[in-house]
PDB file of N, CA and C in Angstrom:
ATOM      1  N   MET A   1      30.534 -36.650 -47.022  1.00  0.00           N
ATOM      2  CA  MET A   1      31.579 -37.466 -47.976  1.00  0.00           C
ATOM      3  C   MET A   1      31.599 -36.178 -49.097  1.00  0.00           C
ATOM      4  N   LEU A   2      30.996 -35.986 -49.792  1.00  0.00           N
ATOM      5  CA  LEU A   2      31.419 -35.201 -51.018  1.00  0.00           C
ATOM      6  C   LEU A   2      32.012 -33.863 -50.272  1.00  0.00           C
ATOM      7  N   ASN A   3      31.786 -33.546 -49.446  1.00  0.00           N
ATOM      8  CA  ASN A   3      32.671 -32.102 -49.094  1.00  0.00           C
ATOM      9  C   ASN A   3      34.438 -32.567 -48.765  1.00  0.00           C
ATOM     10  N   LYS A   4      34.474 -34.219 -48.058  1.00  0.00           N
ATOM     11  CA  LYS A   4      35.963 -33.925 -47.857  1.00  0.00           C
ATOM     12  C   LYS A   4      36.897 -34.662 -49.288  1.00  0.00           C
ATOM     13  N   SER A   5      35.513 -34.986 -50.472  1.00  0.00           N
ATOM     14  CA  SER A   5      36.628 -35.572 -51.431  1.00  0.00           C
ATOM     15  C   SER A   5      36.664 -34.103 -52.159  1.00  0.00           C
ATOM     16  N   ILE A   6      35.670 -33.074 -52.134  1.00  0.00           N
ATOM     17  CA  ILE A   6      36.377 -31.855 -52.559  1.00  0.00           C
ATOM     18  C   ILE A   6      37.586 -31.267 -52.030  1.00  0.00           C
ATOM     19  N   LEU A   7      37.628 -31.243 -50.608  1.00  0.00           N
ATOM     20  CA  LEU A   7      38.702 -30.718 -49.576  1.00  0.00           C
ATOM     21  C   LEU A   7      39.686 -31.429 -50.362  1.00  0.00           C
ATOM     22  N   THR A   8      39.552 -32.762 -50.242  1.00  0.00           N
ATOM     23  CA  THR A   8      41.363 -33.294 -50.857  1.00  0.00           C
ATOM     24  C   THR A   8      41.326 -33.537 -52.286  1.00  0.00           C
ATOM     25  N   LEU A   9      40.495 -32.851 -53.112  1.00  0.00           N
ATOM     26  CA  LEU A   9      40.597 -32.454 -54.586  1.00  0.00           C
ATOM     27  C   LEU A   9      41.425 -31.160 -54.333  1.00  0.00           C
ATOM     28  N   ALA A  10      40.775 -30.120 -53.874  1.00  0.00           N
ATOM     29  CA  ALA A  10      41.102 -28.580 -53.388  1.00  0.00           C
ATOM     30  C   ALA A  10      42.427 -28.544 -53.733  1.00  0.00           C
ATOM     31  N   ILE A  11      42.700 -29.829 -52.128  1.00  0.00           N
ATOM     32  CA  ILE A  11      44.058 -29.272 -51.486  1.00  0.00           C
ATOM     33  C   ILE A  11      45.382 -29.893 -52.773  1.00  0.00           C
ATOM     34  N   ALA A  12      45.191 -31.117 -53.098  1.00  0.00           N
ATOM     35  CA  ALA A  12      45.634 -31.395 -53.866  1.00  0.00           C
ATOM     36  C   ALA A  12      45.999 -30.751 -55.636  1.00  0.00           C
ATOM     37  N   THR A  13      44.634 -29.803 -56.053  1.00  0.00           N
ATOM     38  CA  THR A  13      44.942 -29.049 -56.428  1.00  0.00           C
ATOM     39  C   THR A  13      46.271 -28.364 -57.050  1.00  0.00           C
ATOM     40  N   ALA A  14      45.700 -27.143 -54.979  1.00  0.00           N
ATOM     41  CA  ALA A  14      46.683 -26.232 -54.628  1.00  0.00           C
ATOM     42  C   ALA A  14      47.599 -27.197 -54.992  1.00  0.00           C
ATOM     43  N   LEU A  15      48.548 -27.787 -54.304  1.00  0.00           N
ATOM     44  CA  LEU A  15      49.834 -28.299 -54.027  1.00  0.00           C
ATOM     45  C   LEU A  15      50.152 -28.291 -55.783  1.00  0.00           C
ATOM     46  N   THR A  16      49.681 -29.067 -56.420  1.00  0.00           N
ATOM     47  CA  THR A  16      50.371 -29.474 -58.173  1.00  0.00           C
ATOM     48  C   THR A  16      50.311 -28.006 -58.316  1.00  0.00           C
ATOM     49  N   ALA A  17      49.409 -26.661 -58.311  1.00  0.00           N
ATOM     50  CA  ALA A  17      49.754 -26.088 -59.158  1.00  0.00           C
ATOM     51  C   ALA A  17      50.680 -24.865 -58.232  1.00  0.00           C
ATOM     52  N   THR A  18      51.010 -25.224 -57.369  1.00  0.00           N
ATOM     53  CA  THR A  18      52.234 -24.632 -56.441  1.00  0.00           C
ATOM     54  C   THR A  18      53.654 -25.054 -56.552  1.00  0.00           C
ATOM     55  N   LEU A  19      53.724 -26.681 -57.515  1.00  0.00           N
ATOM     56  CA  LEU A  19      54.574 -27.485 -57.698  1.00  0.00           C
ATOM     57  C   LEU A  19      54.679 -26.627 -59.062  1.00  0.00           C
ATOM     58  N   ALA A  20      54.009 -26.944 -60.019  1.00  0.00           N
ATOM     59  CA  ALA A  20      54.521 -26.465 -61.170  1.00  0.00           C
ATOM     60  C   ALA A  20      54.486 -24.944 -61.954  1.00  0.00           C
ATOM     61  N   ALA A  21      54.541 -24.721 -60.437  1.00  0.00           N
ATOM     62  CA  ALA A  21      54.888 -22.512 -61.127  1.00  0.00           C
ATOM     63  C   ALA A  21      56.116 -22.915 -60.436  1.00  0.00           C
ATOM     64  N   THR A  22      56.444 -23.440 -59.324  1.00  0.00           N
ATOM     65  CA  THR A  22      58.173 -23.450 -58.998  1.00  0.00           C
ATOM     66  C   THR A  22      58.900 -24.592 -59.900  1.00  0.00           C
ATOM     67  N   SER A  23      58.343 -25.191 -60.527  1.00  0.00           N
ATOM     68  CA  SER A  23      59.394 -26.227 -61.143  1.00  0.00           C
ATOM     69  C   SER A  23      60.367 -25.466 -61.676  1.00  0.00           C
ATOM     70  N   GLY A  24      59.740 -24.167 -62.403  1.00  0.00           N
ATOM     71  CA  GLY A  24      61.238 -23.907 -63.090  1.00  0.00           C
ATOM     72  C   GLY A  24      62.401 -23.385 -62.436  1.00  0.00           C
ATOM     73  N   CYS A  25      62.494 -23.193 -61.286  1.00  0.00           N
ATOM     74  CA  CYS A  25      62.672 -21.935 -60.629  1.00  0.00           C
ATOM     75  C   CYS A  25      63.938 -22.751 -59.934  1.00  0.00           C
ATOM     76  N   ALA A  26      64.432 -22.192 -59.122  1.00  0.00           N
ATOM     77  CA  ALA A  26      66.176 -22.884 -58.422  1.00  0.00           C
ATOM     78  C   ALA A  26      65.537 -23.501 -57.612  1.00  0.00           C
ATOM     79  N   VAL A  27      65.101 -24.418 -56.877  1.00  0.00           N
ATOM     80  CA  VAL A  27      65.693 -25.580 -55.760  1.00  0.00           C
ATOM     81  C   VAL A  27      65.757 -24.854 -54.636  1.00  0.00           C
ATOM     82  N   THR A  28      65.073 -24.570 -53.569  1.00  0.00           N
ATOM     83  CA  THR A  28      65.325 -24.148 -52.256  1.00  0.00           C
ATOM     84  C   THR A  28      65.547 -25.273 -51.750  1.00  0.00           C
ATOM     85  N   ARG A  29      65.285 -24.833 -50.138  1.00  0.00           N
ATOM     86  CA  ARG A  29      65.879 -25.846 -48.464  1.00  0.00           C
ATOM     87  C   ARG A  29      66.831 -26.704 -48.921  1.00  0.00           C
ATOM     88  N   LYS A  30      67.759 -25.863 -49.788  1.00  0.00           N
ATOM     89  CA  LYS A  30      69.143 -26.592 -50.079  1.00  0.00           C
ATOM     90  C   LYS A  30      68.786 -28.384 -50.482  1.00  0.00           C
ATOM     91  N   GLN A  31      68.030 -28.711 -51.135  1.00  0.00           N
ATOM     92  CA  GLN A  31      67.851 -30.166 -51.793  1.00  0.00           C
ATOM     93  C   GLN A  31      68.841 -29.693 -52.877  1.00  0.00           C
ATOM     94  N   GLU A  32      69.594 -31.259 -53.388  1.00  0.00           N
ATOM     95  CA  GLU A  32      70.064 -31.182 -54.257  1.00  0.00           C
ATOM     96  C   GLU A  32      69.173 -31.198 -55.409  1.00  0.00           C
ATOM     97  N   THR A  33      68.288 -31.763 -55.857  1.00  0.00           N
ATOM     98  CA  THR A  33      67.685 -32.379 -57.198  1.00  0.00           C
ATOM     99  C   THR A  33      66.409 -31.872 -57.126  1.00  0.00           C
ATOM    100  N   VAL A  34      65.637 -31.231 -58.108  1.00  0.00           N
ATOM    101  CA  VAL A  34      64.468 -31.063 -58.573  1.00  0.00           C
ATOM    102  C   VAL A  34      63.594 -32.184 -58.095  1.00  0.00           C
ATOM    103  N   GLY A  35      64.169 -33.519 -58.306  1.00  0.00           N
ATOM    104  CA  GLY A  35      62.960 -34.602 -57.868  1.00  0.00           C
ATOM    105  C   GLY A  35      63.138 -34.559 -56.845  1.00  0.00           C
ATOM    106  N   ALA A  36      64.518 -34.285 -56.100  1.00  0.00           N
ATOM    107  CA  ALA A  36      64.268 -34.407 -54.347  1.00  0.00           C
ATOM    108  C   ALA A  36      62.283 -33.239 -54.049  1.00  0.00           C
ATOM    109  N   TYR A  37      62.539 -31.878 -54.749  1.00  0.00           N
ATOM    110  CA  TYR A  37      61.462 -31.532 -54.356  1.00  0.00           C
ATOM    111  C   TYR A  37      60.105 -31.925 -54.570  1.00  0.00           C
ATOM    112  N   ILE A  38      60.463 -32.949 -56.161  1.00  0.00           N
ATOM    113  CA  ILE A  38      58.843 -33.251 -56.707  1.00  0.00           C
ATOM    114  C   ILE A  38      58.567 -33.938 -55.354  1.00  0.00           C
ATOM    115  N   ASP A  39      59.607 -35.401 -54.816  1.00  0.00           N
ATOM    116  CA  ASP A  39      59.110 -36.297 -53.985  1.00  0.00           C
ATOM    117  C   ASP A  39      58.806 -35.651 -52.470  1.00  0.00           C
ATOM    118  N   ASP A  40      58.975 -34.936 -52.167  1.00  0.00           N
ATOM    119  CA  ASP A  40      58.800 -34.578 -51.064  1.00  0.00           C
ATOM    120  C   ASP A  40      57.500 -33.380 -51.443  1.00  0.00           C
ATOM    121  N   ALA A  41      57.187 -32.776 -51.961  1.00  0.00           N
ATOM    122  CA  ALA A  41      56.003 -32.199 -52.325  1.00  0.00           C
ATOM    123  C   ALA A  41      54.810 -33.115 -52.693  1.00  0.00           C
ATOM    124  N   ALA A  42      54.653 -33.823 -53.621  1.00  0.00           N
ATOM    125  CA  ALA A  42      54.736 -35.267 -53.748  1.00  0.00           C
ATOM    126  C   ALA A  42      53.829 -36.158 -51.853  1.00  0.00           C
ATOM    127  N   LEU A  43      54.944 -36.370 -51.893  1.00  0.00           N
ATOM    128  CA  LEU A  43      54.838 -36.831 -49.944  1.00  0.00           C
ATOM    129  C   LEU A  43      53.947 -35.846 -49.173  1.00  0.00           C
ATOM    130  N   THR A  44      53.948 -34.737 -48.725  1.00  0.00           N
ATOM    131  CA  THR A  44      53.374 -34.059 -48.231  1.00  0.00           C
ATOM    132  C   THR A  44      51.831 -33.453 -48.800  1.00  0.00           C
ATOM    133  N   THR A  45      51.831 -34.097 -50.139  1.00  0.00           N
ATOM    134  CA  THR A  45      49.958 -34.241 -50.829  1.00  0.00           C
ATOM    135  C   THR A  45      49.438 -35.696 -49.558  1.00  0.00           C
ATOM    136  N   LYS A  46      49.816 -36.316 -50.029  1.00  0.00           N
ATOM    137  CA  LYS A  46      49.662 -37.768 -49.794  1.00  0.00           C
ATOM    138  C   LYS A  46      49.031 -37.593 -48.027  1.00  0.00           C
ATOM    139  N   VAL A  47      50.250 -36.912 -47.602  1.00  0.00           N
ATOM    140  CA  VAL A  47      49.819 -37.103 -45.675  1.00  0.00           C
ATOM    141  C   VAL A  47      48.776 -35.960 -45.778  1.00  0.00           C
ATOM    142  N   LYS A  48      48.692 -34.846 -46.743  1.00  0.00           N
ATOM    143  CA  LYS A  48      47.425 -33.934 -46.525  1.00  0.00           C
ATOM    144  C   LYS A  48      45.909 -34.593 -46.847  1.00  0.00           C
ATOM    145  N   ALA A  49      46.241 -35.675 -48.083  1.00  0.00           N
ATOM    146  CA  ALA A  49      44.705 -36.304 -48.669  1.00  0.00           C
ATOM    147  C   ALA A  49      44.387 -36.957 -47.447  1.00  0.00           C
ATOM    148  N   LYS A  50      45.015 -37.651 -46.435  1.00  0.00           N
ATOM    149  CA  LYS A  50      44.529 -38.824 -45.699  1.00  0.00           C
ATOM    150  C   LYS A  50      43.956 -38.134 -44.421  1.00  0.00           C
ATOM    151  N   PHE A  51      44.626 -37.041 -43.787  1.00  0.00           N
ATOM    152  CA  PHE A  51      43.790 -35.850 -43.098  1.00  0.00           C
ATOM    153  C   PHE A  51      42.704 -35.612 -43.721  1.00  0.00           C
ATOM    154  N   ALA A  52      42.725 -34.889 -45.071  1.00  0.00           N
ATOM    155  CA  ALA A  52      41.099 -34.516 -45.623  1.00  0.00           C
ATOM    156  C   ALA A  52      40.047 -36.180 -45.286  1.00  0.00           C
ATOM    157  N   ASP A  53      40.603 -37.376 -45.443  1.00  0.00           N
ATOM    158  CA  ASP A  53      39.688 -38.391 -45.188  1.00  0.00           C
ATOM    159  C   ASP A  53      39.321 -38.950 -43.841  1.00  0.00           C
ATOM    160  N   ASN A  54      40.291 -38.231 -42.933  1.00  0.00           N
ATOM    161  CA  ASN A  54      40.227 -38.821 -41.792  1.00  0.00           C
ATOM    162  C   ASN A  54      39.185 -38.168 -40.659  1.00  0.00           C
ATOM    163  N   THR A  55      38.104 -38.326 -39.985  1.00  0.00           N
ATOM    164  CA  THR A  55      37.273 -38.045 -39.516  1.00  0.00           C
ATOM    165  C   THR A  55      37.634 -37.176 -38.301  1.00  0.00           C
ATOM    166  N   THR A  56      38.555 -37.689 -37.923  1.00  0.00           N
ATOM    167  CA  THR A  56      39.706 -37.281 -36.443  1.00  0.00           C
ATOM    168  C   THR A  56      40.532 -36.075 -36.023  1.00  0.00           C
ATOM    169  N   VAL A  57      41.221 -35.996 -37.670  1.00  0.00           N
ATOM    170  CA  VAL A  57      41.949 -34.713 -37.625  1.00  0.00           C
ATOM    171  C   VAL A  57      41.729 -33.665 -38.643  1.00  0.00           C
ATOM    172  N   SER A  58      41.861 -32.653 -38.724  1.00  0.00           N
ATOM    173  CA  SER A  58      41.486 -31.305 -39.277  1.00  0.00           C
ATOM    174  C   SER A  58      42.840 -30.961 -40.087  1.00  0.00           C
ATOM    175  N   ALA A  59      42.728 -31.433 -41.116  1.00  0.00           N
ATOM    176  CA  ALA A  59      43.489 -31.476 -42.637  1.00  0.00           C
ATOM    177  C   ALA A  59      43.668 -29.598 -42.195  1.00  0.00           C
ATOM    178  N   MET A  60      42.765 -28.745 -41.889  1.00  0.00           N
ATOM    179  CA  MET A  60      42.707 -26.890 -42.295  1.00  0.00           C
ATOM    180  C   MET A  60      44.043 -26.723 -40.877  1.00  0.00           C
ATOM    181  N   ALA A  61      43.456 -26.986 -39.799  1.00  0.00           N
ATOM    182  CA  ALA A  61      44.024 -26.926 -38.837  1.00  0.00           C
ATOM    183  C   ALA A  61      45.969 -26.788 -38.508  1.00  0.00           C
ATOM    184  N   ILE A  62      46.402 -28.232 -39.636  1.00  0.00           N
ATOM    185  CA  ILE A  62      47.510 -29.398 -38.965  1.00  0.00           C
ATOM    186  C   ILE A  62      48.243 -28.574 -40.478  1.00  0.00           C
ATOM    187  N   SER A  63      49.390 -28.245 -40.305  1.00  0.00           N
ATOM    188  CA  SER A  63      50.211 -27.847 -41.597  1.00  0.00           C
ATOM    189  C   SER A  63      50.752 -28.632 -41.915  1.00  0.00           C
ATOM    190  N   VAL A  64      51.744 -29.343 -42.929  1.00  0.00           N
ATOM    191  CA  VAL A  64      52.196 -30.312 -43.353  1.00  0.00           C
ATOM    192  C   VAL A  64      53.229 -29.966 -44.213  1.00  0.00           C
ATOM    193  N   GLU A  65      54.863 -30.242 -43.909  1.00  0.00           N
ATOM    194  CA  GLU A  65      56.277 -30.288 -44.543  1.00  0.00           C
ATOM    195  C   GLU A  65      56.870 -30.914 -44.912  1.00  0.00           C
ATOM    196  N   THR A  66      57.381 -30.580 -45.713  1.00  0.00           N
ATOM    197  CA  THR A  66      58.348 -32.698 -46.017  1.00  0.00           C
ATOM    198  C   THR A  66      59.651 -31.949 -46.205  1.00  0.00           C
ATOM    199  N   MET A  67      60.903 -32.741 -46.115  1.00  0.00           N
ATOM    200  CA  MET A  67      62.154 -32.461 -46.673  1.00  0.00           C
ATOM    201  C   MET A  67      63.158 -33.158 -46.543  1.00  0.00           C
ATOM    202  N   LYS A  68      62.837 -34.401 -47.540  1.00  0.00           N
ATOM    203  CA  LYS A  68      64.360 -34.750 -47.803  1.00  0.00           C
ATOM    204  C   LYS A  68      63.625 -35.962 -47.083  1.00  0.00           C
ATOM    205  N   GLY A  69      61.849 -36.611 -47.101  1.00  0.00           N
ATOM    206  CA  GLY A  69      61.280 -37.471 -46.910  1.00  0.00           C
ATOM    207  C   GLY A  69      60.806 -37.252 -45.342  1.00  0.00           C
ATOM    208  N   THR A  70      61.451 -36.626 -45.036  1.00  0.00           N
ATOM    209  CA  THR A  70      61.175 -36.614 -43.094  1.00  0.00           C
ATOM    210  C   THR A  70      60.294 -35.183 -42.881  1.00  0.00           C
ATOM    211  N   VAL A  71      58.589 -35.315 -42.497  1.00  0.00           N
ATOM    212  CA  VAL A  71      57.168 -34.563 -42.439  1.00  0.00           C
ATOM    213  C   VAL A  71      57.820 -34.015 -41.139  1.00  0.00           C
ATOM    214  N   GLN A  72      57.427 -32.698 -41.164  1.00  0.00           N
ATOM    215  CA  GLN A  72      57.070 -32.021 -40.118  1.00  0.00           C
ATOM    216  C   GLN A  72      55.611 -31.558 -40.032  1.00  0.00           C
ATOM    217  N   LEU A  73      54.971 -31.602 -38.780  1.00  0.00           N
ATOM    218  CA  LEU A  73      53.375 -31.506 -38.631  1.00  0.00           C
ATOM    219  C   LEU A  73      53.691 -30.300 -37.529  1.00  0.00           C
ATOM    220  N   SER A  74      52.676 -29.842 -37.981  1.00  0.00           N
ATOM    221  CA  SER A  74      52.294 -28.284 -36.858  1.00  0.00           C
ATOM    222  C   SER A  74      51.133 -27.863 -37.104  1.00  0.00           C
ATOM    223  N   GLY A  75      51.274 -27.443 -35.702  1.00  0.00           N
ATOM    224  CA  GLY A  75      49.792 -26.182 -35.818  1.00  0.00           C
ATOM    225  C   GLY A  75      48.999 -26.467 -34.737  1.00  0.00           C
ATOM    226  N   PHE A  76      47.851 -27.188 -34.842  1.00  0.00           N
ATOM    227  CA  PHE A  76      46.762 -27.174 -33.282  1.00  0.00           C
ATOM    228  C   PHE A  76      45.889 -28.249 -33.609  1.00  0.00           C
ATOM    229  N   ALA A  77      45.403 -28.861 -32.564  1.00  0.00           N
ATOM    230  CA  ALA A  77      44.664 -29.897 -32.336  1.00  0.00           C
ATOM    231  C   ALA A  77      43.615 -29.448 -31.013  1.00  0.00           C
ATOM    232  N   LYS A  78      42.548 -30.163 -31.710  1.00  0.00           N
ATOM    233  CA  LYS A  78      41.220 -29.898 -30.408  1.00  0.00           C
ATOM    234  C   LYS A  78      42.085 -31.169 -29.228  1.00  0.00           C
ATOM    235  N   THR A  79      42.972 -32.340 -29.521  1.00  0.00           N
ATOM    236  CA  THR A  79      42.567 -33.644 -28.526  1.00  0.00           C
ATOM    237  C   THR A  79      43.829 -34.044 -28.899  1.00  0.00           C
ATOM    238  N   ALA A  80      44.355 -34.443 -27.620  1.00  0.00           N
ATOM    239  CA  ALA A  80      45.850 -35.182 -27.927  1.00  0.00           C
ATOM    240  C   ALA A  80      45.453 -36.829 -28.723  1.00  0.00           C
ATOM    241  N   GLU A  81      43.816 -37.465 -28.993  1.00  0.00           N
ATOM    242  CA  GLU A  81      43.914 -38.597 -30.216  1.00  0.00           C
ATOM    243  C   GLU A  81      43.448 -37.785 -31.102  1.00  0.00           C
ATOM    244  N   GLU A  82      44.050 -36.377 -31.951  1.00  0.00           N
ATOM    245  CA  GLU A  82      43.845 -35.618 -33.036  1.00  0.00           C
ATOM    246  C   GLU A  82      45.704 -35.938 -33.202  1.00  0.00           C
ATOM    247  N   ARG A  83      45.949 -35.282 -32.505  1.00  0.00           N
ATOM    248  CA  ARG A  83      47.335 -35.102 -32.226  1.00  0.00           C
ATOM    249  C   ARG A  83      48.156 -36.297 -32.415  1.00  0.00           C
ATOM    250  N   MET A  84      47.652 -37.593 -32.086  1.00  0.00           N
ATOM    251  CA  MET A  84      48.527 -38.725 -32.133  1.00  0.00           C
ATOM    252  C   MET A  84      48.060 -39.470 -33.570  1.00  0.00           C
ATOM    253  N   MET A  85      46.688 -39.147 -33.956  1.00  0.00           N
ATOM    254  CA  MET A  85      45.985 -40.091 -35.099  1.00  0.00           C
ATOM    255  C   MET A  85      46.785 -39.156 -36.460  1.00  0.00           C
ATOM    256  N   ALA A  86      47.504 -37.518 -36.409  1.00  0.00           N
ATOM    257  CA  ALA A  86      47.575 -37.230 -37.500  1.00  0.00           C
ATOM    258  C   ALA A  86      49.266 -37.980 -37.616  1.00  0.00           C
ATOM    259  N   GLU A  87      50.067 -37.924 -36.396  1.00  0.00           N
ATOM    260  CA  GLU A  87      51.482 -38.702 -36.855  1.00  0.00           C
ATOM    261  C   GLU A  87      51.031 -39.640 -37.382  1.00  0.00           C
ATOM    262  N   LYS A  88      50.118 -40.669 -37.075  1.00  0.00           N
ATOM    263  CA  LYS A  88      49.996 -41.957 -37.457  1.00  0.00           C
ATOM    264  C   LYS A  88      49.990 -42.214 -38.521  1.00  0.00           C
ATOM    265  N   LEU A  89      48.701 -41.223 -39.010  1.00  0.00           N
ATOM    266  CA  LEU A  89      48.321 -41.127 -40.764  1.00  0.00           C
ATOM    267  C   LEU A  89      49.826 -40.647 -41.119  1.00  0.00           C
ATOM    268  N   ALA A  90      50.811 -40.170 -40.895  1.00  0.00           N
ATOM    269  CA  ALA A  90      51.822 -39.321 -41.312  1.00  0.00           C
ATOM    270  C   ALA A  90      52.636 -40.759 -41.649  1.00  0.00           C
ATOM    271  N   ARG A  91      53.108 -40.981 -40.162  1.00  0.00           N
ATOM    272  CA  ARG A  91      53.647 -42.291 -40.517  1.00  0.00           C
ATOM    273  C   ARG A  91      53.831 -43.782 -40.994  1.00  0.00           C
ATOM    274  N   GLU A  92      52.711 -43.665 -41.833  1.00  0.00           N
ATOM    275  CA  GLU A  92      52.086 -45.360 -42.328  1.00  0.00           C
ATOM    276  C   GLU A  92      51.671 -44.639 -43.869  1.00  0.00           C
ATOM    277  N   THR A  93      52.520 -43.034 -44.161  1.00  0.00           N
ATOM    278  CA  THR A  93      52.103 -42.556 -45.642  1.00  0.00           C
ATOM    279  C   THR A  93      53.881 -43.415 -46.366  1.00  0.00           C
ATOM    280  N   SER A  94      53.493 -44.331 -47.618  1.00  0.00           N
ATOM    281  CA  SER A  94      54.950 -44.551 -48.062  1.00  0.00           C
ATOM    282  C   SER A  94      55.172 -43.440 -48.641  1.00  0.00           C
ATOM    283  N   GLY A  95      56.621 -44.077 -48.218  1.00  0.00           N
ATOM    284  CA  GLY A  95      57.593 -42.793 -48.987  1.00  0.00           C
ATOM    285  C   GLY A  95      58.366 -42.209 -47.556  1.00  0.00           C
ATOM    286  N   VAL A  96      57.504 -42.007 -46.077  1.00  0.00           N
ATOM    287  CA  VAL A  96      57.867 -40.690 -45.489  1.00  0.00           C
ATOM    288  C   VAL A  96      58.717 -41.501 -44.940  1.00  0.00           C
ATOM    289  N   VAL A  97      60.406 -41.633 -44.318  1.00  0.00           N
ATOM    290  CA  VAL A  97      61.135 -41.527 -43.544  1.00  0.00           C
ATOM    291  C   VAL A  97      61.288 -41.765 -42.195  1.00  0.00           C
ATOM    292  N   ALA A  98      60.868 -40.327 -41.987  1.00  0.00           N
ATOM    293  CA  ALA A  98      60.375 -40.238 -40.137  1.00  0.00           C
ATOM    294  C   ALA A  98      59.442 -38.994 -40.038  1.00  0.00           C
ATOM    295  N   VAL A  99      58.802 -38.425 -39.313  1.00  0.00           N
ATOM    296  CA  VAL A  99      57.835 -37.806 -38.692  1.00  0.00           C
ATOM    297  C   VAL A  99      58.338 -36.875 -37.522  1.00  0.00           C
ATOM    298  N   ARG A 100      58.053 -35.544 -37.897  1.00  0.00           N
ATOM    299  CA  ARG A 100      58.711 -35.068 -36.483  1.00  0.00           C
ATOM    300  C   ARG A 100      56.967 -34.047 -35.749  1.00  0.00           C
ATOM    301  N   ASN A 101      56.348 -34.391 -34.940  1.00  0.00           N
ATOM    302  CA  ASN A 101      55.234 -33.701 -35.010  1.00  0.00           C
ATOM    303  C   ASN A 101      55.341 -32.481 -33.580  1.00  0.00           C
ATOM    304  N   ASP A 102      55.200 -31.435 -34.281  1.00  0.00           N
ATOM    305  CA  ASP A 102      55.118 -30.455 -33.252  1.00  0.00           C
ATOM    306  C   ASP A 102      53.644 -29.547 -33.547  1.00  0.00           C
ATOM    307  N   ILE A 103      52.779 -30.688 -33.385  1.00  0.00           N
ATOM    308  CA  ILE A 103      51.023 -30.011 -33.488  1.00  0.00           C
ATOM    309  C   ILE A 103      51.108 -29.833 -32.186  1.00  0.00           C
ATOM    310  N   VAL A 104      50.426 -28.799 -31.735  1.00  0.00           N
ATOM    311  CA  VAL A 104      50.258 -28.295 -29.872  1.00  0.00           C
ATOM    312  C   VAL A 104      48.597 -28.691 -29.923  1.00  0.00           C
ATOM    313  N   VAL A 105      48.641 -28.767 -28.708  1.00  0.00           N
ATOM    314  CA  VAL A 105      47.091 -29.683 -28.421  1.00  0.00           C
ATOM    315  C   VAL A 105      46.606 -28.119 -27.611  1.00  0.00           C
ATOM    316  N   ARG A 106      45.523 -27.754 -28.315  1.00  0.00           N
ATOM    317  CA  ARG A 106      44.819 -26.270 -27.490  1.00  0.00           C
ATOM    318  C   ARG A 106      43.405 -27.164 -27.869  1.00  0.00           C
ATOM    319  N   PRO A 107      42.479 -27.371 -26.709  1.00  0.00           N
ATOM    320  CA  PRO A 107      41.431 -27.783 -26.488  1.00  0.00           C
ATOM    321  C   PRO A 107      40.044 -26.360 -27.319  1.00  0.00           C
ATOM    322  N   ALA A 108      39.087 -26.482 -27.892  1.00  0.00           N
ATOM    323  CA  ALA A 108      38.331 -26.068 -28.146  1.00  0.00           C
ATOM    324  C   ALA A 108      37.795 -24.733 -27.102  1.00  0.00           C
ATOM    325  N   PRO A 109      37.742 -23.618 -26.894  1.00  0.00           N
ATOM    326  CA  PRO A 109      37.059 -23.299 -25.459  1.00  0.00           C
ATOM    327  C   PRO A 109      35.590 -23.060 -25.551  1.00  0.00           C
TER     328      PRO A 109
END
């Protein structure tokens, strides 16, 4: 349980550092305001934290990107259950408008 808390903290810290480093730069991805960029970064952090706290979903194997409230999931899941759980957790996150699930199921060899 302690390892998951450390992982969640590490992910949140890395995302916060990235956000702080880029907040003075021009907003990318054609978003209209810095506020929208910050909101998307916060949503990404929330979703990744939910993944880190969940025993079914691998937070390290699934990528999360957010743009204007739409969350895109990508990467590899070991089972269809993991793929569906990742989507469910993302959809249940406050502020998420839509989820695009591009996770590929690739069972372990």
